[in-house]
Protein backbone atom coordinates (compact mmCIF):
# COMPACT_ATOMS: atom_id res chain seq x y z
CA MET A 1 249.53 189.67 285.00
CA THR A 2 248.28 191.21 282.16
CA GLU A 3 250.35 193.60 279.40
CA GLY A 4 247.82 196.41 280.73
CA VAL A 5 248.14 195.95 283.98
CA GLN A 6 252.13 195.59 283.62
CA LYS A 7 252.36 198.75 281.89
CA ARG A 8 250.31 200.60 284.38
CA LEU A 9 252.28 199.25 287.08
CA ALA A 10 255.35 200.64 285.29
CA ILE A 11 254.12 203.76 284.54
CA ALA A 12 253.25 204.30 288.46
CA ALA A 13 256.76 203.22 289.65
CA ALA A 14 258.64 205.71 287.14
CA LEU A 15 256.05 208.30 288.89
CA ALA A 16 256.86 207.45 292.20
CA LEU A 17 260.38 207.63 291.61
CA LEU A 18 259.63 211.43 289.77
CA VAL A 19 258.01 212.27 292.70
CA LEU A 20 260.42 211.05 295.42
CA PHE A 21 263.57 213.01 293.03
CA VAL A 22 261.66 215.98 292.84
CA ALA A 23 260.48 215.96 296.74
CA ALA A 24 264.36 215.24 297.98
CA ASN A 25 266.14 217.70 295.26
CA VAL A 26 263.27 220.14 297.14
CA HIS A 27 264.26 219.56 299.93
CA LEU A 28 267.67 219.86 299.58
CA ILE A 29 266.98 223.33 298.16
CA ALA A 30 265.02 224.11 301.32
CA VAL A 31 267.96 223.44 303.76
CA ALA A 32 270.66 224.63 301.48
CA LEU A 33 268.43 227.94 301.91
CA ARG A 34 267.75 228.23 306.05
CA SER A 35 271.01 227.17 306.49
CA GLN A 36 273.42 230.29 307.45
CA SER A 37 277.09 229.74 308.14
CA ALA A 38 278.23 231.26 311.48
CA CYS A 39 280.35 234.84 311.51
CA THR A 40 283.65 233.75 312.45
CA THR A 41 286.75 235.48 312.64
CA VAL A 42 290.11 233.86 311.50
CA GLU A 43 292.91 236.72 311.22
CA HIS A 44 293.73 237.93 307.55
CA VAL A 45 290.79 236.14 306.30
CA PRO A 46 287.16 238.43 304.79
CA PRO A 47 284.37 237.31 306.53
CA ALA A 48 282.24 234.94 305.44
CA LYS A 49 279.47 237.16 304.59
CA ARG A 50 279.74 241.28 303.44
CA ILE A 51 277.21 241.31 306.87
CA CYS A 52 279.57 240.02 309.20
């Protein structure tokens, strides 16, 4: 394997890892924004949200 091929493979692997990292973080943010805790009432504890 030549030096040029190794360099291109290393760059491609780094870009693939970067894309995977960004995609995982976008997924976590999307899940966090979509999830909503249920409004539960507990004595002497204010609700989790003001709309409860």
